[in-house]
């Protein structure tokens, strides 16, 4: 058989999709450092919370006094304890946090798009219902004519549904600013999904209205956490734009350290607001 003169063809070189070992090691080192710093900060905050004079309810009440007037007539009392936020604020912040968690649960946590115009208008309408009820309540406080008699059950209910509407509108802004990669999906695809999202927030409002004792702490802590989440989201958006660090976060672990630092900023803002409010009211501020 005659020998072939054709030269052997070298095997094709397939570019590796894996990162070099040095980059992997550096990434893991950054993650561990972020976890360590965040853990130390959170432990320090927990120790400070425990060491701060007073019971837990009085501490949470003072911390949130800068963002909420905490008027007894606008608040719910459950088992003789006044909730740390007014009825409307309980609804807004707890509803916002519940909806953010629901979006993450269904895979829309990094949604980059706003809903279609009709659905977006529905979300705006949910917020406007709360605005109208708030203006009506303010009119009564000022001694002006009102459309109807304000009630706490209306405050918490309109606040809760507005929190859901805010989450659907705000999360795309956050995702477009913070994440390096997101999902080309809207927060809500249609009005049915909005209705599904309203189910837990309406149940939350009904839980507050019921006055059932065992719900006092779960709802109070959810609302207080919602304050931090909403304030943290806005602070992080502003900080990323100001220091020109948009679209840098690649993963949840990469969000940990920035979120921890923003938490410190948010807590500082709340303490300053609380101090100013109580000083203005002539009360003694205890740190």
Protein backbone atom coordinates (compact mmCIF):
# COMPACT_ATOMS: atom_id res chain seq x y z
CA UNK A 1 0.00 0.00 0.00
CA UNK A 2 1.44 3.40 -0.93
CA UNK A 3 2.24 5.65 1.96
CA UNK A 4 0.05 8.73 2.21
CA UNK A 5 1.76 12.11 1.80
CA UNK A 6 -0.98 13.92 3.78
CA UNK A 7 0.29 15.51 6.98
CA UNK A 8 -1.51 14.63 10.19
CA UNK A 9 -3.98 17.26 11.34
CA UNK A 10 -3.40 18.41 14.91
CA UNK A 11 -6.36 18.09 17.24
CA UNK A 12 -8.54 21.18 17.56
CA UNK A 13 -7.82 23.34 20.54
CA UNK A 14 -10.98 24.12 22.49
CA UNK A 15 -10.70 27.27 24.59
CA UNK A 16 -11.17 26.53 28.25
CA UNK A 17 -14.20 28.10 29.90
CA UNK A 18 -12.68 27.62 33.34
CA UNK A 19 -10.98 30.47 35.11
CA UNK A 20 -7.28 30.14 35.95
CA UNK A 21 -6.52 28.66 39.36
CA UNK A 22 -5.10 31.99 40.53
CA UNK A 23 -8.41 33.75 39.79
CA UNK A 24 -10.39 31.05 41.57
CA UNK A 25 -8.15 31.32 44.64
CA UNK A 26 -8.44 35.13 44.63
CA UNK A 27 -12.23 34.91 44.32
CA UNK A 28 -12.47 32.46 47.21
CA UNK A 29 -10.21 34.65 49.32
CA UNK A 30 -12.44 37.67 48.67
CA UNK A 31 -15.54 35.67 49.56
CA UNK A 32 -13.99 34.50 52.84
CA UNK A 33 -12.88 38.01 53.68
CA UNK A 34 -16.35 39.39 52.94
CA UNK A 35 -17.94 36.67 55.05
CA UNK A 36 -15.53 37.37 57.93
CA UNK A 37 -16.05 41.15 57.88
CA UNK A 38 -19.81 40.82 57.57
CA UNK A 39 -19.93 38.26 60.37
CA UNK A 40 -17.89 40.47 62.71
CA UNK A 41 -20.10 43.49 61.96
CA UNK A 42 -23.33 41.56 62.49
CA UNK A 43 -22.09 40.04 65.75
CA UNK A 44 -21.02 43.50 66.94
CA UNK A 45 -24.47 44.87 66.10
CA UNK A 46 -26.13 42.01 67.97
CA UNK A 47 -23.96 42.64 71.04
CA UNK A 48 -24.81 46.35 70.85
CA UNK A 49 -28.51 45.56 70.61
CA UNK A 50 -28.32 43.32 73.68
CA UNK A 51 -26.25 45.83 75.67
CA UNK A 52 -28.50 48.79 74.83
CA UNK A 53 -30.66 49.60 77.90
CA UNK A 54 -34.30 48.56 77.78
CA UNK A 55 -36.29 45.65 76.44
CA UNK A 56 -36.35 44.66 72.78
CA UNK A 57 -39.62 46.44 72.01
CA UNK A 58 -38.44 49.76 73.45
CA UNK A 59 -35.20 49.48 71.43
CA UNK A 60 -37.03 48.81 68.18
CA UNK A 61 -39.51 51.58 68.95
CA UNK A 62 -36.72 54.11 69.46
CA UNK A 63 -34.76 52.95 66.41
CA UNK A 64 -37.79 53.42 64.16
CA UNK A 65 -39.03 56.63 65.76
CA UNK A 66 -37.11 58.66 63.18
CA UNK A 67 -38.98 57.17 60.22
CA UNK A 68 -42.39 56.90 61.87
CA UNK A 69 -44.29 59.26 64.23
CA UNK A 70 -45.62 56.23 66.19
CA UNK A 71 -48.84 57.95 67.20
CA UNK A 72 -50.97 55.71 69.44
CA UNK A 73 -54.15 56.69 67.58
CA UNK A 74 -52.59 55.44 64.31
CA UNK A 75 -51.09 52.28 65.79
CA UNK A 76 -52.23 48.78 66.65
CA UNK A 77 -52.02 47.43 70.19
CA UNK A 78 -51.84 43.66 70.48
CA UNK A 79 -52.02 42.10 73.94
CA UNK A 80 -51.48 45.57 75.39
CA UNK A 81 -48.26 46.17 73.43
CA UNK A 82 -48.03 48.92 70.84
CA UNK A 83 -46.41 47.81 67.61
CA UNK A 84 -43.08 49.56 66.88
CA UNK A 85 -44.50 51.19 63.72
CA UNK A 86 -47.82 52.78 62.91
CA UNK A 87 -50.44 50.73 61.07
CA UNK A 88 -49.67 52.23 57.64
CA UNK A 89 -45.91 51.77 58.08
CA UNK A 90 -46.36 48.19 59.26
CA UNK A 91 -48.23 47.51 56.03
CA UNK A 92 -45.81 49.34 53.73
CA UNK A 93 -42.54 47.88 55.00
CA UNK A 94 -43.77 44.36 55.74
CA UNK A 95 -45.61 44.24 52.39
CA UNK A 96 -42.51 45.46 50.56
CA UNK A 97 -40.28 42.83 52.15
CA UNK A 98 -42.79 40.03 51.58
CA UNK A 99 -43.00 40.92 47.88
CA UNK A 100 -39.23 41.13 47.47
CA UNK A 101 -38.89 37.68 49.04
CA UNK A 102 -41.67 36.35 46.80
CA UNK A 103 -39.90 37.69 43.69
CA UNK A 104 -36.71 35.89 44.69
CA UNK A 105 -38.66 32.71 45.45
CA UNK A 106 -40.14 32.59 41.93
CA UNK A 107 -36.84 33.46 40.22
CA UNK A 108 -37.52 37.16 39.57
CA UNK A 109 -35.11 38.51 42.18
CA UNK A 110 -32.81 39.86 39.46
CA UNK A 111 -35.53 40.92 37.02
CA UNK A 112 -34.25 43.82 34.92
CA UNK A 113 -37.47 44.91 33.27
CA UNK A 114 -40.52 46.76 34.46
CA UNK A 115 -43.85 45.09 33.76
CA UNK A 116 -45.78 46.00 30.63
CA UNK A 117 -47.46 49.40 30.79
CA UNK A 118 -50.91 48.15 31.92
CA UNK A 119 -49.33 46.08 34.70
CA UNK A 120 -47.00 48.91 35.72
CA UNK A 121 -50.01 51.23 35.93
CA UNK A 122 -51.69 48.68 38.17
CA UNK A 123 -48.65 48.75 40.49
CA UNK A 124 -48.76 52.55 40.50
CA UNK A 125 -52.46 52.38 41.33
CA UNK A 126 -51.68 50.18 44.36
CA UNK A 127 -49.32 52.86 45.62
CA UNK A 128 -51.78 55.66 44.88
CA UNK A 129 -54.50 53.95 46.93
CA UNK A 130 -52.24 54.34 49.95
CA UNK A 131 -51.43 57.96 49.02
CA UNK A 132 -55.13 58.85 48.81
CA UNK A 133 -55.85 57.20 52.15
CA UNK A 134 -52.85 58.99 53.67
CA UNK A 135 -53.99 62.38 52.41
CA UNK A 136 -57.48 61.70 53.70
CA UNK A 137 -56.05 60.83 57.12
CA UNK A 138 -53.87 63.95 57.09
CA UNK A 139 -56.91 66.08 56.30
CA UNK A 140 -58.60 64.78 59.44
CA UNK A 141 -55.51 65.53 61.55
CA UNK A 142 -55.55 69.11 60.21
CA UNK A 143 -59.26 69.51 60.85
CA UNK A 144 -60.15 69.64 57.17
CA UNK A 145 -63.07 67.87 55.48
CA UNK A 146 -62.43 64.22 54.62
CA UNK A 147 -63.75 61.82 52.00
CA UNK A 148 -64.39 59.18 54.66
CA UNK A 149 -63.47 58.44 58.24
CA UNK A 150 -59.88 57.14 58.47
CA UNK A 151 -59.48 53.79 60.20
CA UNK A 152 -56.41 51.81 61.20
CA UNK A 153 -57.60 48.77 59.27
CA UNK A 154 -57.60 50.90 56.12
CA UNK A 155 -54.16 52.23 56.94
CA UNK A 156 -52.56 48.82 57.31
CA UNK A 157 -54.42 47.34 54.31
CA UNK A 158 -53.62 50.16 51.87
CA UNK A 159 -50.07 50.26 53.21
CA UNK A 160 -49.59 46.54 52.60
CA UNK A 161 -50.81 46.58 49.00
CA UNK A 162 -48.75 49.70 48.29
CA UNK A 163 -45.67 47.90 49.60
CA UNK A 164 -46.24 45.20 46.99
CA UNK A 165 -46.61 47.84 44.28
CA UNK A 166 -43.41 49.59 45.36
CA UNK A 167 -41.43 46.35 45.26
CA UNK A 168 -42.55 45.60 41.72
CA UNK A 169 -41.47 49.06 40.55
CA UNK A 170 -38.27 49.51 42.57
CA UNK A 171 -36.58 46.13 42.13
CA UNK A 172 -35.74 46.62 38.41
CA UNK A 173 -34.02 49.90 39.31
CA UNK A 174 -31.96 48.13 41.96
CA UNK A 175 -31.11 45.22 39.68
CA UNK A 176 -30.12 47.45 36.76
CA UNK A 177 -27.82 49.40 39.07
CA UNK A 178 -26.22 46.70 41.21
CA UNK A 179 -26.01 43.37 39.41
CA UNK A 180 -23.46 42.62 36.70
CA UNK A 181 -25.86 40.10 35.18
CA UNK A 182 -29.61 39.91 35.54
CA UNK A 183 -32.63 38.32 33.95
CA UNK A 184 -34.42 39.92 31.00
CA UNK A 185 -37.73 39.40 32.74
CA UNK A 186 -40.26 41.77 34.28
CA UNK A 187 -41.03 41.60 37.98
CA UNK A 188 -44.62 40.74 37.05
CA UNK A 189 -45.66 39.37 33.65
CA UNK A 190 -49.38 40.04 33.97
CA UNK A 191 -52.06 41.25 36.35
CA UNK A 192 -52.71 37.72 37.63
CA UNK A 193 -49.18 37.56 39.04
CA UNK A 194 -49.81 40.85 40.80
CA UNK A 195 -52.95 39.39 42.35
CA UNK A 196 -50.99 36.34 43.50
CA UNK A 197 -48.40 38.65 45.10
CA UNK A 198 -51.18 40.49 46.93
CA UNK A 199 -52.41 37.35 48.68
CA UNK A 200 -49.64 37.20 51.32
CA UNK A 201 -49.66 40.96 51.94
CA UNK A 202 -53.43 41.01 52.41
CA UNK A 203 -53.13 38.06 54.81
CA UNK A 204 -50.46 40.03 56.65
CA UNK A 205 -52.82 42.99 56.98
CA UNK A 206 -55.61 40.74 58.19
CA UNK A 207 -53.22 39.28 60.76
CA UNK A 208 -52.55 42.74 62.15
CA UNK A 209 -56.25 43.64 62.12
CA UNK A 210 -57.12 40.42 63.95
CA UNK A 211 -55.06 41.46 66.96
CA UNK A 212 -54.05 37.83 67.54
CA UNK A 213 -51.29 37.84 70.18
CA UNK A 214 -48.86 35.28 68.66
CA UNK A 215 -48.57 37.43 65.52
CA UNK A 216 -47.22 40.47 67.37
CA UNK A 217 -43.53 39.64 67.18
CA UNK A 218 -43.41 37.96 63.75
CA UNK A 219 -45.16 40.89 62.08
CA UNK A 220 -43.27 43.51 64.08
CA UNK A 221 -39.89 41.99 63.20
CA UNK A 222 -40.92 41.57 59.56
CA UNK A 223 -41.87 45.25 59.35
CA UNK A 224 -38.69 46.40 61.11
CA UNK A 225 -36.62 44.26 58.74
CA UNK A 226 -38.60 45.75 55.85
CA UNK A 227 -37.48 49.23 56.92
CA UNK A 228 -33.86 48.13 56.66
CA UNK A 229 -34.37 46.40 53.33
CA UNK A 230 -36.16 49.33 51.69
CA UNK A 231 -33.76 51.92 53.10
CA UNK A 232 -30.80 49.70 52.20
CA UNK A 233 -31.97 49.30 48.60
CA UNK A 234 -32.26 53.05 48.08
CA UNK A 235 -28.95 53.72 49.84
CA UNK A 236 -27.17 51.10 47.75
CA UNK A 237 -28.54 52.52 44.50
CA UNK A 238 -27.40 56.02 45.45
CA UNK A 239 -23.99 54.84 46.68
CA UNK A 240 -23.31 52.79 43.54
CA UNK A 241 -24.09 55.76 41.31
CA UNK A 242 -22.15 58.30 43.38
CA UNK A 243 -18.94 56.22 43.62
CA UNK A 244 -19.37 54.87 40.06
CA UNK A 245 -19.57 51.22 41.06
CA UNK A 246 -22.64 50.23 39.07
CA UNK A 247 -23.10 46.66 37.83
CA UNK A 248 -20.22 45.20 39.81
CA UNK A 249 -21.95 42.51 41.90
CA UNK A 250 -21.86 39.04 40.32
CA UNK A 251 -23.34 36.80 43.01
CA UNK A 252 -25.20 36.77 46.30
CA UNK A 253 -21.91 36.29 48.15
CA UNK A 254 -20.56 39.36 46.36
CA UNK A 255 -23.53 41.36 47.64
CA UNK A 256 -22.86 40.40 51.26
CA UNK A 257 -20.13 42.93 52.10
CA UNK A 258 -21.71 45.94 50.32
CA UNK A 259 -25.06 45.12 51.94
CA UNK A 260 -23.42 44.95 55.37
CA UNK A 261 -21.74 48.32 54.92
CA UNK A 262 -24.99 49.84 53.67
CA UNK A 263 -26.73 48.37 56.73
CA UNK A 264 -24.38 50.39 58.92
CA UNK A 265 -25.18 53.52 56.92
CA UNK A 266 -28.93 52.87 57.18
CA UNK A 267 -28.75 52.25 60.93
CA UNK A 268 -26.74 55.45 61.35
CA UNK A 269 -29.36 57.41 59.42
CA UNK A 270 -32.15 55.95 61.51
CA UNK A 271 -30.38 56.71 64.80
CA UNK A 272 -29.74 60.30 63.74
CA UNK A 273 -33.35 60.76 62.70
CA UNK A 274 -34.54 59.21 65.96
CA UNK A 275 -32.24 61.46 67.99
CA UNK A 276 -33.41 64.58 66.16
CA UNK A 277 -37.07 63.65 66.54
CA UNK A 278 -36.81 62.95 70.24
CA UNK A 279 -34.64 66.01 70.86
CA UNK A 280 -37.18 68.14 68.98
CA UNK A 281 -39.96 66.63 71.08
CA UNK A 282 -38.02 67.45 74.25
CA UNK A 283 -37.50 63.80 75.20
CA UNK A 284 -34.31 62.37 76.58
CA UNK A 285 -32.29 60.35 74.08
CA UNK A 286 -30.53 57.27 75.47
CA UNK A 287 -27.70 55.73 73.48
